[in-house]
PDB file of N, CA and C in Angstrom:
ATOM      1  N   MET A   1      91.926 114.553  81.843  1.00  0.00           N
ATOM      2  CA  MET A   1      91.940 113.780  83.063  1.00  0.00           C
ATOM      3  C   MET A   1      91.439 114.618  84.240  1.00  0.00           C
ATOM      4  N   LEU A   2      91.826 115.883  84.292  1.00  0.00           N
ATOM      5  CA  LEU A   2      91.362 116.730  85.395  1.00  0.00           C
ATOM      6  C   LEU A   2      89.848 116.904  85.360  1.00  0.00           C
ATOM      7  N   ASN A   3      89.262 116.962  84.166  1.00  0.00           N
ATOM      8  CA  ASN A   3      87.805 117.047  84.074  1.00  0.00           C
ATOM      9  C   ASN A   3      87.152 115.815  84.678  1.00  0.00           C
ATOM     10  N   ILE A   4      87.718 114.655  84.443  1.00  0.00           N
ATOM     11  CA  ILE A   4      87.189 113.419  85.022  1.00  0.00           C
ATOM     12  C   ILE A   4      87.281 113.475  86.542  1.00  0.00           C
ATOM     13  N   LEU A   5      88.412 113.953  87.054  1.00  0.00           N
ATOM     14  CA  LEU A   5      88.594 114.031  88.507  1.00  0.00           C
ATOM     15  C   LEU A   5      87.604 114.993  89.148  1.00  0.00           C
ATOM     16  N   LEU A   6      87.281 116.055  88.451  1.00  0.00           N
ATOM     17  CA  LEU A   6      86.375 117.063  89.010  1.00  0.00           C
ATOM     18  C   LEU A   6      84.907 116.682  88.890  1.00  0.00           C
ATOM     19  N   THR A   7      84.560 115.790  87.957  1.00  0.00           N
ATOM     20  CA  THR A   7      83.139 115.495  87.740  1.00  0.00           C
ATOM     21  C   THR A   7      82.753 114.055  88.043  1.00  0.00           C
ATOM     22  N   ASP A   8      83.340 113.100  87.349  1.00  0.00           N
ATOM     23  CA  ASP A   8      82.839 111.723  87.381  1.00  0.00           C
ATOM     24  C   ASP A   8      83.691 110.739  88.175  1.00  0.00           C
ATOM     25  N   PHE A   9      84.698 111.195  88.894  1.00  0.00           N
ATOM     26  CA  PHE A   9      85.606 110.261  89.547  1.00  0.00           C
ATOM     27  C   PHE A   9      85.121 109.909  90.938  1.00  0.00           C
ATOM     28  N   TYR A  10      85.157 108.617  91.266  1.00  0.00           N
ATOM     29  CA  TYR A  10      84.750 108.141  92.585  1.00  0.00           C
ATOM     30  C   TYR A  10      85.900 107.342  93.180  1.00  0.00           C
ATOM     31  N   GLY A  11      86.210 107.573  94.438  1.00  0.00           N
ATOM     32  CA  GLY A  11      87.258 106.823  95.121  1.00  0.00           C
ATOM     33  C   GLY A  11      88.560 107.583  95.152  1.00  0.00           C
ATOM     34  N   ASN A  12      89.622 106.888  95.536  1.00  0.00           N
ATOM     35  CA  ASN A  12      90.944 107.502  95.638  1.00  0.00           C
ATOM     36  C   ASN A  12      91.678 107.389  94.318  1.00  0.00           C
ATOM     37  N   LEU A  13      92.381 108.443  93.952  1.00  0.00           N
ATOM     38  CA  LEU A  13      93.196 108.426  92.742  1.00  0.00           C
ATOM     39  C   LEU A  13      94.558 107.856  93.091  1.00  0.00           C
ATOM     40  N   THR A  14      94.954 106.834  92.378  1.00  0.00           N
ATOM     41  CA  THR A  14      96.280 106.241  92.537  1.00  0.00           C
ATOM     42  C   THR A  14      96.965 106.256  91.182  1.00  0.00           C
ATOM     43  N   THR A  15      98.263 105.979  91.180  1.00  0.00           N
ATOM     44  CA  THR A  15      98.982 105.944  89.906  1.00  0.00           C
ATOM     45  C   THR A  15      98.439 104.826  89.017  1.00  0.00           C
ATOM     46  N   LYS A  16      98.042 103.720  89.620  1.00  0.00           N
ATOM     47  CA  LYS A  16      97.506 102.615  88.827  1.00  0.00           C
ATOM     48  C   LYS A  16      96.200 103.010  88.140  1.00  0.00           C
ATOM     49  N   LYS A  17      95.304 103.674  88.876  1.00  0.00           N
ATOM     50  CA  LYS A  17      94.041 104.123  88.272  1.00  0.00           C
ATOM     51  C   LYS A  17      94.307 105.140  87.167  1.00  0.00           C
ATOM     52  N   TRP A  18      95.250 106.067  87.410  1.00  0.00           N
ATOM     53  CA  TRP A  18      95.600 107.064  86.397  1.00  0.00           C
ATOM     54  C   TRP A  18      96.088 106.357  85.135  1.00  0.00           C
ATOM     55  N   ALA A  19      96.959 105.367  85.301  1.00  0.00           N
ATOM     56  CA  ALA A  19      97.507 104.640  84.158  1.00  0.00           C
ATOM     57  C   ALA A  19      96.411 103.912  83.378  1.00  0.00           C
ATOM     58  N   ILE A  20      95.454 103.330  84.066  1.00  0.00           N
ATOM     59  CA  ILE A  20      94.367 102.614  83.398  1.00  0.00           C
ATOM     60  C   ILE A  20      93.474 103.581  82.641  1.00  0.00           C
ATOM     61  N   ILE A  21      93.109 104.690  83.273  1.00  0.00           N
ATOM     62  CA  ILE A  21      92.199 105.644  82.643  1.00  0.00           C
ATOM     63  C   ILE A  21      92.841 106.297  81.423  1.00  0.00           C
ATOM     64  N   THR A  22      94.116 106.657  81.537  1.00  0.00           N
ATOM     65  CA  THR A  22      94.782 107.358  80.441  1.00  0.00           C
ATOM     66  C   THR A  22      95.506 106.419  79.478  1.00  0.00           C
ATOM     67  N   LYS A  23      95.471 105.127  79.762  1.00  0.00           N
ATOM     68  CA  LYS A  23      96.106 104.110  78.916  1.00  0.00           C
ATOM     69  C   LYS A  23      97.602 104.381  78.718  1.00  0.00           C
ATOM     70  N   CYS A  24      98.287 104.587  79.849  1.00  0.00           N
ATOM     71  CA  CYS A  24      99.727 104.798  79.818  1.00  0.00           C
ATOM     72  C   CYS A  24     100.375 103.879  80.845  1.00  0.00           C
ATOM     73  N   SER A  25     101.701 103.903  80.905  1.00  0.00           N
ATOM     74  CA  SER A  25     102.400 103.080  81.897  1.00  0.00           C
ATOM     75  C   SER A  25     102.290 103.721  83.282  1.00  0.00           C
ATOM     76  N   ILE A  26     102.563 102.935  84.300  1.00  0.00           N
ATOM     77  CA  ILE A  26     102.518 103.445  85.666  1.00  0.00           C
ATOM     78  C   ILE A  26     103.612 104.501  85.865  1.00  0.00           C
ATOM     79  N   ASP A  27     104.770 104.322  85.231  1.00  0.00           N
ATOM     80  CA  ASP A  27     105.841 105.316  85.335  1.00  0.00           C
ATOM     81  C   ASP A  27     105.408 106.658  84.743  1.00  0.00           C
ATOM     82  N   THR A  28     104.750 106.616  83.583  1.00  0.00           N
ATOM     83  CA  THR A  28     104.255 107.843  82.960  1.00  0.00           C
ATOM     84  C   THR A  28     103.181 108.479  83.825  1.00  0.00           C
ATOM     85  N   ALA A  29     102.306 107.662  84.393  1.00  0.00           N
ATOM     86  CA  ALA A  29     101.263 108.181  85.281  1.00  0.00           C
ATOM     87  C   ALA A  29     101.876 108.902  86.471  1.00  0.00           C
ATOM     88  N   LEU A  30     102.917 108.331  87.047  1.00  0.00           N
ATOM     89  CA  LEU A  30     103.577 108.961  88.191  1.00  0.00           C
ATOM     90  C   LEU A  30     104.216 110.286  87.789  1.00  0.00           C
ATOM     91  N   ARG A  31     104.835 110.338  86.610  1.00  0.00           N
ATOM     92  CA  ARG A  31     105.417 111.601  86.139  1.00  0.00           C
ATOM     93  C   ARG A  31     104.334 112.645  85.908  1.00  0.00           C
ATOM     94  N   ASP A  32     103.206 112.239  85.331  1.00  0.00           N
ATOM     95  CA  ASP A  32     102.088 113.163  85.116  1.00  0.00           C
ATOM     96  C   ASP A  32     101.569 113.709  86.443  1.00  0.00           C
ATOM     97  N   ILE A  33     101.374 112.820  87.402  1.00  0.00           N
ATOM     98  CA  ILE A  33     100.856 113.216  88.713  1.00  0.00           C
ATOM     99  C   ILE A  33     101.855 114.134  89.418  1.00  0.00           C
ATOM    100  N   ASP A  34     103.137 113.788  89.369  1.00  0.00           N
ATOM    101  CA  ASP A  34     104.155 114.639  90.000  1.00  0.00           C
ATOM    102  C   ASP A  34     104.176 116.034  89.376  1.00  0.00           C
ATOM    103  N   ASP A  35     103.998 116.100  88.055  1.00  0.00           N
ATOM    104  CA  ASP A  35     103.951 117.389  87.370  1.00  0.00           C
ATOM    105  C   ASP A  35     102.771 118.223  87.863  1.00  0.00           C
ATOM    106  N   LEU A  36     101.618 117.592  88.020  1.00  0.00           N
ATOM    107  CA  LEU A  36     100.436 118.311  88.496  1.00  0.00           C
ATOM    108  C   LEU A  36     100.563 118.725  89.967  1.00  0.00           C
ATOM    109  N   ILE A  37     101.288 117.942  90.749  1.00  0.00           N
ATOM    110  CA  ILE A  37     101.557 118.328  92.141  1.00  0.00           C
ATOM    111  C   ILE A  37     102.438 119.570  92.157  1.00  0.00           C
ATOM    112  N   GLN A  38     103.482 119.580  91.308  1.00  0.00           N
ATOM    113  CA  GLN A  38     104.379 120.734  91.232  1.00  0.00           C
ATOM    114  C   GLN A  38     103.638 121.996  90.810  1.00  0.00           C
ATOM    115  N   LYS A  39     102.625 121.851  89.948  1.00  0.00           N
ATOM    116  CA  LYS A  39     101.844 122.991  89.470  1.00  0.00           C
ATOM    117  C   LYS A  39     100.737 123.381  90.445  1.00  0.00           C
ATOM    118  N   GLY A  40     100.570 122.610  91.529  1.00  0.00           N
ATOM    119  CA  GLY A  40      99.585 122.941  92.550  1.00  0.00           C
ATOM    120  C   GLY A  40      98.174 122.488  92.227  1.00  0.00           C
ATOM    121  N   MET A  41      98.009 121.599  91.271  1.00  0.00           N
ATOM    122  CA  MET A  41      96.679 121.131  90.888  1.00  0.00           C
ATOM    123  C   MET A  41      96.252 119.883  91.652  1.00  0.00           C
ATOM    124  N   LEU A  42      97.211 119.073  92.073  1.00  0.00           N
ATOM    125  CA  LEU A  42      96.931 117.873  92.861  1.00  0.00           C
ATOM    126  C   LEU A  42      97.715 117.945  94.162  1.00  0.00           C
ATOM    127  N   GLU A  43      97.221 117.223  95.151  1.00  0.00           N
ATOM    128  CA  GLU A  43      97.908 117.100  96.435  1.00  0.00           C
ATOM    129  C   GLU A  43      98.043 115.627  96.777  1.00  0.00           C
ATOM    130  N   LYS A  44      99.143 115.295  97.428  1.00  0.00           N
ATOM    131  CA  LYS A  44      99.363 113.928  97.882  1.00  0.00           C
ATOM    132  C   LYS A  44      98.608 113.736  99.187  1.00  0.00           C
ATOM    133  N   SER A  45      97.947 112.595  99.327  1.00  0.00           N
ATOM    134  CA  SER A  45      97.257 112.316 100.586  1.00  0.00           C
ATOM    135  C   SER A  45      98.285 112.019 101.675  1.00  0.00           C
ATOM    136  N   GLU A  46      97.827 111.931 102.896  1.00  0.00           N
ATOM    137  CA  GLU A  46      98.753 111.747 104.010  1.00  0.00           C
ATOM    138  C   GLU A  46      99.354 110.344 104.060  1.00  0.00           C
ATOM    139  N   ALA A  47      98.652 109.355 103.533  1.00  0.00           N
ATOM    140  CA  ALA A  47      99.189 107.995 103.512  1.00  0.00           C
ATOM    141  C   ALA A  47     100.353 107.938 102.519  1.00  0.00           C
ATOM    142  N   SER A  48     101.280 107.030 102.761  1.00  0.00           N
ATOM    143  CA  SER A  48     102.405 106.907 101.843  1.00  0.00           C
ATOM    144  C   SER A  48     102.646 105.438 101.530  1.00  0.00           C
ATOM    145  N   GLY A  49     103.642 105.184 100.713  1.00  0.00           N
ATOM    146  CA  GLY A  49     103.946 103.816 100.321  1.00  0.00           C
ATOM    147  C   GLY A  49     102.967 103.313  99.274  1.00  0.00           C
ATOM    148  N   ARG A  50     102.551 102.092  99.407  1.00  0.00           N
ATOM    149  CA  ARG A  50     101.652 101.490  98.422  1.00  0.00           C
ATOM    150  C   ARG A  50     100.258 102.092  98.462  1.00  0.00           C
ATOM    151  N   SER A  51      99.914 102.723  99.568  1.00  0.00           N
ATOM    152  CA  SER A  51      98.562 103.273  99.692  1.00  0.00           C
ATOM    153  C   SER A  51      98.511 104.764  99.362  1.00  0.00           C
ATOM    154  N   THR A  52      99.516 105.272  98.686  1.00  0.00           N
ATOM    155  CA  THR A  52      99.547 106.693  98.324  1.00  0.00           C
ATOM    156  C   THR A  52      98.413 106.991  97.354  1.00  0.00           C
ATOM    157  N   SER A  53      97.665 108.031  97.666  1.00  0.00           N
ATOM    158  CA  SER A  53      96.617 108.483  96.756  1.00  0.00           C
ATOM    159  C   SER A  53      96.728 109.992  96.634  1.00  0.00           C
ATOM    160  N   TYR A  54      96.019 110.524  95.672  1.00  0.00           N
ATOM    161  CA  TYR A  54      96.113 111.947  95.360  1.00  0.00           C
ATOM    162  C   TYR A  54      94.712 112.522  95.278  1.00  0.00           C
ATOM    163  N   GLU A  55      94.620 113.837  95.494  1.00  0.00           N
ATOM    164  CA  GLU A  55      93.327 114.509  95.411  1.00  0.00           C
ATOM    165  C   GLU A  55      93.511 115.866  94.763  1.00  0.00           C
ATOM    166  N   VAL A  56      92.445 116.382  94.205  1.00  0.00           N
ATOM    167  CA  VAL A  56      92.483 117.684  93.553  1.00  0.00           C
ATOM    168  C   VAL A  56      92.667 118.756  94.611  1.00  0.00           C
ATOM    169  N   ALA A  57      93.613 119.665  94.364  1.00  0.00           N
ATOM    170  CA  ALA A  57      93.847 120.783  95.279  1.00  0.00           C
ATOM    171  C   ALA A  57      92.828 121.864  94.962  1.00  0.00           C
ATOM    172  N   LEU A  58      92.092 122.263  95.970  1.00  0.00           N
ATOM    173  CA  LEU A  58      91.062 123.277  95.744  1.00  0.00           C
ATOM    174  C   LEU A  58      91.463 124.604  96.255  1.00  0.00           C
TER     175      LEU A  58
END
């Protein structure tokens, strides 16, 4: 998934998009994203609530 984000991904990453791309539930997508945030690989955008998106931490 990180390779997709670094090369071919266009737009904002959301939990719904993560779930569709990886064919998992939205809950699993959120756990995956939270894990990557804890490891410093992803960052949460400034918007919150339903418009929360994530980006690769460089």
